[in-house]
Amino acid sequence: MTRRFALLAGLSTAALFGCSPAALLNGASRIAGDRARLAASGVPFGADPRLKLDIWVPAGKSSGPLPVVVFFYGGGWVAGERGEYGFVGSAIAARGFVVVIPDYRMVPEVHFPTFIEDGARAVAWAEQHVARFGGDPHRINLAGHSAGSYIGAMLALDRHYLADAGASAEVIRSAALLSGPYDFYPFTEQRGRDALGNWPRPRETQPITFASGNAPPMLLMHGTADTVVRPRNSQRLAAALSKAGAHVELKLYPGKSHIDTIKSISPLFRGSTPALADMVDFLARQNAVKPGH
């Protein structure tokens, strides 16, 4: 039995016990993991018990402070745990970054804009404290998948959230976002209505509303076969940012689904899309570093 087959068999077995797909992928990815370590776990960044974060760093010693990536996971604003996404933290950290993965509050306990405000609190925490873990507070970047990409886009484009949380106005160096919803009003699905439908001015819930020329550089990645969040979301936001004069890069992955993009960050499925390589290349260019250093 090959190592890869054994890992995949383990995923299938664990699925029988009701584990989430992300948790299964994370557990199996540890066996074939990247050279990174969990520097801190469960660090509070707010008063609510939910507001805790993990920090991943490269395994070896680093010369000088490293650029920082705050990664927001997806789950339709209703599900997800930071511990299930260690495979993302370790993959990015192993390539020369300090990675912060925060939890945030979810529907039905909260609704728009609380999960964005929680994301802003995590960024403010990183700006104030990440230097203790070898991170550069002047080079903070955002990343995410699905609903997490939505949070990242809103923070990058509608900057009052960061200001309200006590972060610097220009704290975000760049954003690299996977399979995110950015232009989806009117809400045609229940999750969108549950999470955002309470807001009296629905256009204010849409990242595309805030596309402007002073947006930080953004990389938008999407699978063309994504039926959960249609690729037109990334295409439309990219077009709006480009028209406004902002720096934006769009990567479309032919035949790839909503899950394929995040799954390919794992060492088990790496190469099934170039998402990790594209993300690291983009972040390295925006932070003036060589990938992997």
C-alpha atoms as a PDB file:
ATOM      1  CA  MET A   1       0.000   0.000   0.000  1.00  0.00           C
ATOM      2  CA  THR A   2       1.491   3.350  -1.013  1.00  0.00           C
ATOM      3  CA  ARG A   3       1.704   6.200   1.440  1.00  0.00           C
ATOM      4  CA  ARG A   4      -0.783   8.268  -0.557  1.00  0.00           C
ATOM      5  CA  PHE A   5      -3.250   5.373  -0.743  1.00  0.00           C
ATOM      6  CA  ALA A   6      -2.948   4.810   2.991  1.00  0.00           C
ATOM      7  CA  LEU A   7      -3.647   8.472   3.696  1.00  0.00           C
ATOM      8  CA  LEU A   8      -6.691   8.509   1.450  1.00  0.00           C
ATOM      9  CA  ALA A   9      -7.949   5.299   3.003  1.00  0.00           C
ATOM     10  CA  GLY A  10      -7.604   6.959   6.378  1.00  0.00           C
ATOM     11  CA  LEU A  11      -9.728   9.848   5.187  1.00  0.00           C
ATOM     12  CA  SER A  12     -12.467   7.465   4.083  1.00  0.00           C
ATOM     13  CA  THR A  13     -12.397   5.602   7.389  1.00  0.00           C
ATOM     14  CA  ALA A  14     -12.542   8.780   9.459  1.00  0.00           C
ATOM     15  CA  ALA A  15     -15.480  10.020   7.387  1.00  0.00           C
ATOM     16  CA  LEU A  16     -17.555   7.175   8.801  1.00  0.00           C
ATOM     17  CA  PHE A  17     -17.273   8.822  12.213  1.00  0.00           C
ATOM     18  CA  GLY A  18     -18.715  12.151  11.112  1.00  0.00           C
ATOM     19  CA  CYS A  19     -15.592  14.304  10.949  1.00  0.00           C
ATOM     20  CA  SER A  20     -15.750  17.421   8.773  1.00  0.00           C
ATOM     21  CA  PRO A  21     -13.952  17.303   5.401  1.00  0.00           C
ATOM     22  CA  ALA A  22     -11.522  20.009   6.524  1.00  0.00           C
ATOM     23  CA  ALA A  23     -10.732  18.141   9.748  1.00  0.00           C
ATOM     24  CA  LEU A  24     -10.123  14.923   7.820  1.00  0.00           C
ATOM     25  CA  LEU A  25      -7.875  16.659   5.330  1.00  0.00           C
ATOM     26  CA  ASN A  26      -6.005  18.442   8.093  1.00  0.00           C
ATOM     27  CA  GLY A  27      -5.381  15.269  10.067  1.00  0.00           C
ATOM     28  CA  ALA A  28      -4.105  13.323   7.075  1.00  0.00           C
ATOM     29  CA  SER A  29      -2.007  16.264   5.856  1.00  0.00           C
ATOM     30  CA  ARG A  30       0.013  16.227   9.072  1.00  0.00           C
ATOM     31  CA  ILE A  31       1.512  12.897   8.062  1.00  0.00           C
ATOM     32  CA  ALA A  32       2.822  14.338   4.797  1.00  0.00           C
ATOM     33  CA  GLY A  33       3.099  17.863   6.138  1.00  0.00           C
ATOM     34  CA  ASP A  34       5.214  20.907   5.385  1.00  0.00           C
ATOM     35  CA  ARG A  35       8.196  22.128   7.384  1.00  0.00           C
ATOM     36  CA  ALA A  36       6.420  24.509   9.736  1.00  0.00           C
ATOM     37  CA  ARG A  37       5.396  24.552  13.367  1.00  0.00           C
ATOM     38  CA  LEU A  38       2.469  25.751  15.433  1.00  0.00           C
ATOM     39  CA  ALA A  39       4.024  28.553  17.484  1.00  0.00           C
ATOM     40  CA  ALA A  40       0.907  29.355  19.526  1.00  0.00           C
ATOM     41  CA  SER A  41      -2.629  28.002  19.764  1.00  0.00           C
ATOM     42  CA  GLY A  42      -5.818  29.452  21.218  1.00  0.00           C
ATOM     43  CA  VAL A  43      -4.494  32.980  21.653  1.00  0.00           C
ATOM     44  CA  PRO A  44      -7.399  35.305  22.566  1.00  0.00           C
ATOM     45  CA  PHE A  45      -7.913  38.450  20.492  1.00  0.00           C
ATOM     46  CA  GLY A  46     -11.277  39.525  21.918  1.00  0.00           C
ATOM     47  CA  ALA A  47     -13.545  39.105  24.917  1.00  0.00           C
ATOM     48  CA  ASP A  48     -15.843  36.496  23.379  1.00  0.00           C
ATOM     49  CA  PRO A  49     -14.706  32.873  24.010  1.00  0.00           C
ATOM     50  CA  ARG A  50     -14.908  32.211  20.281  1.00  0.00           C
ATOM     51  CA  LEU A  51     -12.283  34.838  19.442  1.00  0.00           C
ATOM     52  CA  LYS A  52      -9.050  32.878  19.504  1.00  0.00           C
ATOM     53  CA  LEU A  53      -6.315  32.344  16.918  1.00  0.00           C
ATOM     54  CA  ASP A  54      -3.422  30.054  16.007  1.00  0.00           C
ATOM     55  CA  ILE A  55      -0.017  31.132  14.716  1.00  0.00           C
ATOM     56  CA  TRP A  56       2.143  29.101  12.310  1.00  0.00           C
ATOM     57  CA  VAL A  57       5.806  29.849  11.594  1.00  0.00           C
ATOM     58  CA  PRO A  58       8.556  28.217   9.492  1.00  0.00           C
ATOM     59  CA  ALA A  59      10.276  25.292  11.171  1.00  0.00           C
ATOM     60  CA  GLY A  60      13.791  26.723  10.907  1.00  0.00           C
ATOM     61  CA  LYS A  61      15.343  29.972  12.006  1.00  0.00           C
ATOM     62  CA  SER A  62      14.516  33.067   9.979  1.00  0.00           C
ATOM     63  CA  SER A  63      16.678  36.105   9.338  1.00  0.00           C
ATOM     64  CA  GLY A  64      14.677  39.211  10.139  1.00  0.00           C
ATOM     65  CA  PRO A  65      10.915  39.621  10.537  1.00  0.00           C
ATOM     66  CA  LEU A  66       8.768  37.738   8.046  1.00  0.00           C
ATOM     67  CA  PRO A  67       5.697  38.948   6.161  1.00  0.00           C
ATOM     68  CA  VAL A  68       2.403  37.962   7.783  1.00  0.00           C
ATOM     69  CA  VAL A  69      -0.655  36.247   6.299  1.00  0.00           C
ATOM     70  CA  VAL A  70      -3.976  36.324   8.154  1.00  0.00           C
ATOM     71  CA  PHE A  71      -6.026  33.436   6.737  1.00  0.00           C
ATOM     72  CA  PHE A  72      -9.821  33.257   7.090  1.00  0.00           C
ATOM     73  CA  TYR A  73     -11.373  29.845   6.481  1.00  0.00           C
ATOM     74  CA  GLY A  74     -14.730  29.253   4.811  1.00  0.00           C
ATOM     75  CA  GLY A  75     -17.876  27.419   5.845  1.00  0.00           C
ATOM     76  CA  GLY A  76     -20.777  29.572   4.707  1.00  0.00           C
ATOM     77  CA  TRP A  77     -20.554  31.746   7.838  1.00  0.00           C
ATOM     78  CA  VAL A  78     -22.068  28.820   9.775  1.00  0.00           C
ATOM     79  CA  ALA A  79     -19.228  26.312  10.272  1.00  0.00           C
ATOM     80  CA  GLY A  80     -15.468  26.003  10.694  1.00  0.00           C
ATOM     81  CA  GLU A  81     -12.711  25.838  13.299  1.00  0.00           C
ATOM     82  CA  ARG A  82      -9.207  27.230  13.092  1.00  0.00           C
ATOM     83  CA  GLY A  83      -7.702  23.894  14.145  1.00  0.00           C
ATOM     84  CA  GLU A  84      -9.065  22.238  11.014  1.00  0.00           C
ATOM     85  CA  TYR A  85      -6.933  24.485   8.795  1.00  0.00           C
ATOM     86  CA  GLY A  86      -3.472  23.781  10.123  1.00  0.00           C
ATOM     87  CA  PHE A  87      -2.647  22.315   6.699  1.00  0.00           C
ATOM     88  CA  VAL A  88      -3.096  25.816   5.247  1.00  0.00           C
ATOM     89  CA  GLY A  89      -1.098  27.497   8.003  1.00  0.00           C
ATOM     90  CA  SER A  90       1.786  25.053   7.688  1.00  0.00           C
ATOM     91  CA  ALA A  91       1.836  25.179   3.879  1.00  0.00           C
ATOM     92  CA  ILE A  92       2.100  28.973   3.738  1.00  0.00           C
ATOM     93  CA  ALA A  93       4.415  29.263   6.760  1.00  0.00           C
ATOM     94  CA  ALA A  94       6.832  26.726   5.279  1.00  0.00           C
ATOM     95  CA  ARG A  95       7.268  29.109   2.357  1.00  0.00           C
ATOM     96  CA  GLY A  96       8.510  32.016   4.438  1.00  0.00           C
ATOM     97  CA  PHE A  97       5.555  33.612   6.182  1.00  0.00           C
ATOM     98  CA  VAL A  98       4.057  33.921   9.654  1.00  0.00           C
ATOM     99  CA  VAL A  99       0.449  32.748   9.365  1.00  0.00           C
ATOM    100  CA  VAL A 100      -2.368  33.766  11.697  1.00  0.00           C
ATOM    101  CA  ILE A 101      -5.587  31.708  11.563  1.00  0.00           C
ATOM    102  CA  PRO A 102      -8.417  33.224  13.635  1.00  0.00           C
ATOM    103  CA  ASP A 103     -11.836  31.893  14.493  1.00  0.00           C
ATOM    104  CA  TYR A 104     -14.800  34.248  14.123  1.00  0.00           C
ATOM    105  CA  ARG A 105     -18.390  34.224  15.309  1.00  0.00           C
ATOM    106  CA  MET A 106     -21.029  32.659  13.091  1.00  0.00           C
ATOM    107  CA  VAL A 107     -24.686  32.490  12.138  1.00  0.00           C
ATOM    108  CA  PRO A 108     -27.157  32.101  13.853  1.00  0.00           C
ATOM    109  CA  GLU A 109     -25.476  33.589  16.934  1.00  0.00           C
ATOM    110  CA  VAL A 110     -24.420  36.653  14.907  1.00  0.00           C
ATOM    111  CA  HIS A 111     -25.132  38.192  11.516  1.00  0.00           C
ATOM    112  CA  PHE A 112     -23.559  40.743   9.189  1.00  0.00           C
ATOM    113  CA  PRO A 113     -21.313  42.563   9.930  1.00  0.00           C
ATOM    114  CA  THR A 114     -20.122  40.835  13.122  1.00  0.00           C
ATOM    115  CA  PHE A 115     -17.956  38.212  11.375  1.00  0.00           C
ATOM    116  CA  ILE A 116     -16.206  40.985   9.440  1.00  0.00           C
ATOM    117  CA  GLU A 117     -15.675  42.954  12.642  1.00  0.00           C
ATOM    118  CA  ASP A 118     -14.162  39.834  14.219  1.00  0.00           C
ATOM    119  CA  GLY A 119     -11.806  39.547  11.255  1.00  0.00           C
ATOM    120  CA  ALA A 120     -10.782  43.171  11.746  1.00  0.00           C
ATOM    121  CA  ARG A 121     -10.037  42.461  15.412  1.00  0.00           C
ATOM    122  CA  ALA A 122      -7.748  39.615  14.355  1.00  0.00           C
ATOM    123  CA  VAL A 123      -5.874  41.904  11.958  1.00  0.00           C
ATOM    124  CA  ALA A 124      -5.526  44.562  14.663  1.00  0.00           C
ATOM    125  CA  TRP A 125      -4.169  41.902  17.028  1.00  0.00           C
ATOM    126  CA  ALA A 126      -1.634  40.851  14.398  1.00  0.00           C
ATOM    127  CA  GLU A 127      -0.485  44.420  13.872  1.00  0.00           C
ATOM    128  CA  GLN A 128       0.023  44.881  17.602  1.00  0.00           C
ATOM    129  CA  HIS A 129       1.449  41.491  18.599  1.00  0.00           C
ATOM    130  CA  VAL A 130       2.771  39.459  15.658  1.00  0.00           C
ATOM    131  CA  ALA A 131       6.317  40.797  16.084  1.00  0.00           C
ATOM    132  CA  ARG A 132       6.607  38.521  19.139  1.00  0.00           C
ATOM    133  CA  PHE A 133       6.392  35.566  16.746  1.00  0.00           C
ATOM    134  CA  GLY A 134       8.839  36.871  14.161  1.00  0.00           C
ATOM    135  CA  GLY A 135       6.258  38.601  11.982  1.00  0.00           C
ATOM    136  CA  ASP A 136       6.563  42.034  10.401  1.00  0.00           C
ATOM    137  CA  PRO A 137       3.594  44.212  11.458  1.00  0.00           C
ATOM    138  CA  HIS A 138       4.235  46.463   8.458  1.00  0.00           C
ATOM    139  CA  ARG A 139       3.714  43.587   5.996  1.00  0.00           C
ATOM    140  CA  ILE A 140       0.323  42.094   6.842  1.00  0.00           C
ATOM    141  CA  ASN A 141      -1.562  40.320   4.067  1.00  0.00           C
ATOM    142  CA  LEU A 142      -4.964  38.644   3.910  1.00  0.00           C
ATOM    143  CA  ALA A 143      -5.902  35.251   2.509  1.00  0.00           C
ATOM    144  CA  GLY A 144      -9.017  33.126   2.652  1.00  0.00           C
ATOM    145  CA  HIS A 145     -11.341  30.619   1.075  1.00  0.00           C
ATOM    146  CA  SER A 146     -15.054  30.980   0.315  1.00  0.00           C
ATOM    147  CA  ALA A 147     -16.800  32.834   3.179  1.00  0.00           C
ATOM    148  CA  GLY A 148     -13.327  33.570   4.521  1.00  0.00           C
ATOM    149  CA  SER A 149     -12.424  35.234   1.232  1.00  0.00           C
ATOM    150  CA  TYR A 150     -15.552  37.337   1.619  1.00  0.00           C
ATOM    151  CA  ILE A 151     -14.282  38.539   5.001  1.00  0.00           C
ATOM    152  CA  GLY A 152     -10.854  39.233   3.525  1.00  0.00           C
ATOM    153  CA  ALA A 153     -12.316  41.183   0.607  1.00  0.00           C
ATOM    154  CA  MET A 154     -14.530  43.289   2.856  1.00  0.00           C
ATOM    155  CA  LEU A 155     -11.591  44.146   5.107  1.00  0.00           C
ATOM    156  CA  ALA A 156      -9.391  45.028   2.139  1.00  0.00           C
ATOM    157  CA  LEU A 157     -12.007  47.147   0.374  1.00  0.00           C
ATOM    158  CA  ASP A 158     -14.203  48.701   3.096  1.00  0.00           C
ATOM    159  CA  ARG A 159     -11.523  49.869   5.483  1.00  0.00           C
ATOM    160  CA  HIS A 160     -13.707  51.362   8.181  1.00  0.00           C
ATOM    161  CA  TYR A 161     -13.811  47.916   9.790  1.00  0.00           C
ATOM    162  CA  LEU A 162     -10.065  47.978  10.368  1.00  0.00           C
ATOM    163  CA  ALA A 163     -10.128  51.538  11.666  1.00  0.00           C
ATOM    164  CA  ASP A 164     -12.949  50.688  14.065  1.00  0.00           C
ATOM    165  CA  ALA A 165     -10.885  47.761  15.394  1.00  0.00           C
ATOM    166  CA  GLY A 166      -7.880  49.998  16.040  1.00  0.00           C
ATOM    167  CA  ALA A 167      -5.750  48.907  13.079  1.00  0.00           C
ATOM    168  CA  SER A 168      -3.779  51.313  10.915  1.00  0.00           C
ATOM    169  CA  ALA A 169      -5.536  52.614   7.827  1.00  0.00           C
ATOM    170  CA  GLU A 170      -2.968  51.121   5.438  1.00  0.00           C
ATOM    171  CA  VAL A 171      -2.241  47.940   7.391  1.00  0.00           C
ATOM    172  CA  ILE A 172      -3.155  45.544   4.554  1.00  0.00           C
ATOM    173  CA  ARG A 173      -0.286  45.004   2.112  1.00  0.00           C
ATOM    174  CA  SER A 174      -2.241  42.664  -0.213  1.00  0.00           C
ATOM    175  CA  ALA A 175      -4.958  40.001  -0.347  1.00  0.00           C
ATOM    176  CA  ALA A 176      -4.897  36.547  -1.998  1.00  0.00           C
ATOM    177  CA  LEU A 177      -8.372  35.050  -2.029  1.00  0.00           C
ATOM    178  CA  LEU A 178      -9.762  31.681  -3.095  1.00  0.00           C
ATOM    179  CA  SER A 179     -13.271  31.012  -4.436  1.00  0.00           C
ATOM    180  CA  GLY A 180     -14.948  33.929  -2.713  1.00  0.00           C
ATOM    181  CA  PRO A 181     -18.421  35.511  -3.056  1.00  0.00           C
ATOM    182  CA  TYR A 182     -18.015  39.190  -3.878  1.00  0.00           C
ATOM    183  CA  ASP A 183     -21.081  40.134  -5.941  1.00  0.00           C
ATOM    184  CA  PHE A 184     -24.092  38.007  -5.021  1.00  0.00           C
ATOM    185  CA  TYR A 185     -27.003  40.328  -4.304  1.00  0.00           C
ATOM    186  CA  PRO A 186     -29.926  39.691  -4.545  1.00  0.00           C
ATOM    187  CA  PHE A 187     -29.498  36.737  -2.188  1.00  0.00           C
ATOM    188  CA  THR A 188     -30.733  33.622  -3.950  1.00  0.00           C
ATOM    189  CA  GLU A 189     -29.571  31.081  -1.375  1.00  0.00           C
ATOM    190  CA  GLN A 190     -30.638  30.599   2.225  1.00  0.00           C
ATOM    191  CA  ARG A 191     -27.140  30.938   3.671  1.00  0.00           C
ATOM    192  CA  GLY A 192     -26.742  34.375   2.165  1.00  0.00           C
ATOM    193  CA  ARG A 193     -30.140  35.474   3.420  1.00  0.00           C
ATOM    194  CA  ASP A 194     -29.432  34.110   6.906  1.00  0.00           C
ATOM    195  CA  ALA A 195     -26.013  35.749   7.165  1.00  0.00           C
ATOM    196  CA  LEU A 196     -26.565  39.070   5.400  1.00  0.00           C
ATOM    197  CA  GLY A 197     -30.293  39.527   4.841  1.00  0.00           C
ATOM    198  CA  ASN A 198     -30.768  41.389   8.120  1.00  0.00           C
ATOM    199  CA  TRP A 199     -28.862  44.448   6.877  1.00  0.00           C
ATOM    200  CA  PRO A 200     -31.151  47.294   5.725  1.00  0.00           C
ATOM    201  CA  ARG A 201     -28.782  48.422   2.934  1.00  0.00           C
ATOM    202  CA  PRO A 202     -27.857  45.193   1.155  1.00  0.00           C
ATOM    203  CA  ARG A 203     -25.384  46.759  -1.274  1.00  0.00           C
ATOM    204  CA  GLU A 204     -23.181  47.504   1.728  1.00  0.00           C
ATOM    205  CA  THR A 205     -22.791  43.746   2.216  1.00  0.00           C
ATOM    206  CA  GLN A 206     -21.168  43.294  -1.206  1.00  0.00           C
ATOM    207  CA  PRO A 207     -17.387  43.618  -1.609  1.00  0.00           C
ATOM    208  CA  ILE A 208     -17.758  44.804  -5.207  1.00  0.00           C
ATOM    209  CA  THR A 209     -19.554  47.927  -3.949  1.00  0.00           C
ATOM    210  CA  PHE A 210     -16.260  49.126  -2.466  1.00  0.00           C
ATOM    211  CA  ALA A 211     -13.962  48.442  -5.423  1.00  0.00           C
ATOM    212  CA  SER A 212     -11.734  51.475  -5.847  1.00  0.00           C
ATOM    213  CA  GLY A 213      -8.373  52.562  -7.123  1.00  0.00           C
ATOM    214  CA  ASN A 214      -6.843  52.670  -3.637  1.00  0.00           C
ATOM    215  CA  ALA A 215      -7.552  49.008  -2.913  1.00  0.00           C
ATOM    216  CA  PRO A 216      -4.494  46.961  -1.945  1.00  0.00           C
ATOM    217  CA  PRO A 217      -3.159  44.581  -4.611  1.00  0.00           C
ATOM    218  CA  MET A 218      -5.452  41.566  -4.861  1.00  0.00           C
ATOM    219  CA  LEU A 219      -5.171  38.071  -6.308  1.00  0.00           C
ATOM    220  CA  LEU A 220      -8.516  36.381  -7.004  1.00  0.00           C
ATOM    221  CA  MET A 221      -8.408  32.621  -7.657  1.00  0.00           C
ATOM    222  CA  HIS A 222     -11.396  30.535  -8.724  1.00  0.00           C
ATOM    223  CA  GLY A 223     -12.265  27.187 -10.256  1.00  0.00           C
ATOM    224  CA  THR A 224     -14.330  27.408 -13.423  1.00  0.00           C
ATOM    225  CA  ALA A 225     -16.473  24.438 -12.344  1.00  0.00           C
ATOM    226  CA  ASP A 226     -17.386  26.013  -8.985  1.00  0.00           C
ATOM    227  CA  THR A 227     -21.159  25.682  -8.517  1.00  0.00           C
ATOM    228  CA  VAL A 228     -21.160  26.771  -4.853  1.00  0.00           C
ATOM    229  CA  VAL A 229     -19.699  30.219  -5.495  1.00  0.00           C
ATOM    230  CA  ARG A 230     -19.800  30.963  -9.203  1.00  0.00           C
ATOM    231  CA  PRO A 231     -16.543  32.148 -10.807  1.00  0.00           C
ATOM    232  CA  ARG A 232     -18.336  35.261 -12.036  1.00  0.00           C
ATOM    233  CA  ASN A 233     -17.856  36.619  -8.499  1.00  0.00           C
ATOM    234  CA  SER A 234     -14.091  36.788  -8.983  1.00  0.00           C
ATOM    235  CA  GLN A 235     -14.411  37.858 -12.606  1.00  0.00           C
ATOM    236  CA  ARG A 236     -16.714  40.773 -11.786  1.00  0.00           C
ATOM    237  CA  LEU A 237     -14.667  41.998  -8.845  1.00  0.00           C
ATOM    238  CA  ALA A 238     -11.474  41.760 -10.893  1.00  0.00           C
ATOM    239  CA  ALA A 239     -13.090  43.786 -13.670  1.00  0.00           C
ATOM    240  CA  ALA A 240     -14.353  46.428 -11.228  1.00  0.00           C
ATOM    241  CA  LEU A 241     -10.964  46.775  -9.536  1.00  0.00           C
ATOM    242  CA  SER A 242      -9.148  46.952 -12.853  1.00  0.00           C
ATOM    243  CA  LYS A 243     -11.539  49.607 -14.141  1.00  0.00           C
ATOM    244  CA  ALA A 244     -10.954  51.642 -10.963  1.00  0.00           C
ATOM    245  CA  GLY A 245      -7.191  51.470 -11.502  1.00  0.00           C
ATOM    246  CA  ALA A 246      -6.295  49.028  -8.730  1.00  0.00           C
ATOM    247  CA  HIS A 247      -3.748  46.235  -9.098  1.00  0.00           C
ATOM    248  CA  VAL A 248      -5.636  42.950  -9.445  1.00  0.00           C
ATOM    249  CA  GLU A 249      -4.703  39.522 -10.784  1.00  0.00           C
ATOM    250  CA  LEU A 250      -7.273  36.884 -11.747  1.00  0.00           C
ATOM    251  CA  LYS A 251      -6.471  33.171 -11.897  1.00  0.00           C
ATOM    252  CA  LEU A 252      -9.111  30.774 -13.222  1.00  0.00           C
ATOM    253  CA  TYR A 253      -8.537  27.036 -12.881  1.00  0.00           C
ATOM    254  CA  PRO A 254     -10.296  25.097 -15.651  1.00  0.00           C
ATOM    255  CA  GLY A 255     -12.613  22.319 -14.499  1.00  0.00           C
ATOM    256  CA  LYS A 256     -11.892  22.849 -10.785  1.00  0.00           C
ATOM    257  CA  SER A 257     -14.605  22.970  -8.140  1.00  0.00           C
ATOM    258  CA  HIS A 258     -15.178  25.029  -5.014  1.00  0.00           C
ATOM    259  CA  ILE A 259     -13.412  22.477  -2.822  1.00  0.00           C
ATOM    260  CA  ASP A 260     -10.589  21.764  -5.285  1.00  0.00           C
ATOM    261  CA  THR A 261      -8.943  25.122  -4.673  1.00  0.00           C
ATOM    262  CA  ILE A 262      -8.598  24.768  -0.896  1.00  0.00           C
ATOM    263  CA  LYS A 263      -7.942  21.031  -1.106  1.00  0.00           C
ATOM    264  CA  SER A 264      -4.946  21.642  -3.335  1.00  0.00           C
ATOM    265  CA  ILE A 265      -3.207  23.539  -0.515  1.00  0.00           C
ATOM    266  CA  SER A 266      -2.809  20.169   1.234  1.00  0.00           C
ATOM    267  CA  PRO A 267       0.314  18.117   0.442  1.00  0.00           C
ATOM    268  CA  LEU A 268      -2.036  15.228  -0.368  1.00  0.00           C
ATOM    269  CA  PHE A 269      -3.542  17.028  -3.361  1.00  0.00           C
ATOM    270  CA  ARG A 270      -0.898  19.612  -4.136  1.00  0.00           C
ATOM    271  CA  GLY A 271      -0.563  20.239  -7.810  1.00  0.00           C
ATOM    272  CA  SER A 272      -4.199  19.457  -8.543  1.00  0.00           C
ATOM    273  CA  THR A 273      -4.450  23.229  -8.881  1.00  0.00           C
ATOM    274  CA  PRO A 274      -1.588  25.755  -8.814  1.00  0.00           C
ATOM    275  CA  ALA A 275      -3.380  27.766  -6.110  1.00  0.00           C
ATOM    276  CA  LEU A 276      -0.644  27.498  -3.479  1.00  0.00           C
ATOM    277  CA  ALA A 277       2.140  28.366  -5.927  1.00  0.00           C
ATOM    278  CA  ASP A 278       0.102  31.259  -7.336  1.00  0.00           C
ATOM    279  CA  MET A 279      -0.661  32.551  -3.842  1.00  0.00           C
ATOM    280  CA  VAL A 280       2.937  32.338  -2.631  1.00  0.00           C
ATOM    281  CA  ASP A 281       4.283  33.940  -5.804  1.00  0.00           C
ATOM    282  CA  PHE A 282       1.824  36.824  -5.501  1.00  0.00           C
ATOM    283  CA  LEU A 283       2.453  37.366  -1.782  1.00  0.00           C
ATOM    284  CA  ALA A 284       6.205  37.212  -2.277  1.00  0.00           C
ATOM    285  CA  ARG A 285       6.051  39.861  -4.982  1.00  0.00           C
ATOM    286  CA  GLN A 286       3.884  42.167  -2.874  1.00  0.00           C
ATOM    287  CA  ASN A 287       6.195  41.778   0.119  1.00  0.00           C
ATOM    288  CA  ALA A 288       9.519  41.947  -1.755  1.00  0.00           C
ATOM    289  CA  VAL A 289      10.743  38.523  -0.702  1.00  0.00           C
ATOM    290  CA  LYS A 290      11.831  35.382  -2.490  1.00  0.00           C
ATOM    291  CA  PRO A 291       9.282  32.537  -2.189  1.00  0.00           C
ATOM    292  CA  GLY A 292      10.380  30.081   0.465  1.00  0.00           C
ATOM    293  CA  HIS A 293      12.675  32.598   2.221  1.00  0.00           C
END
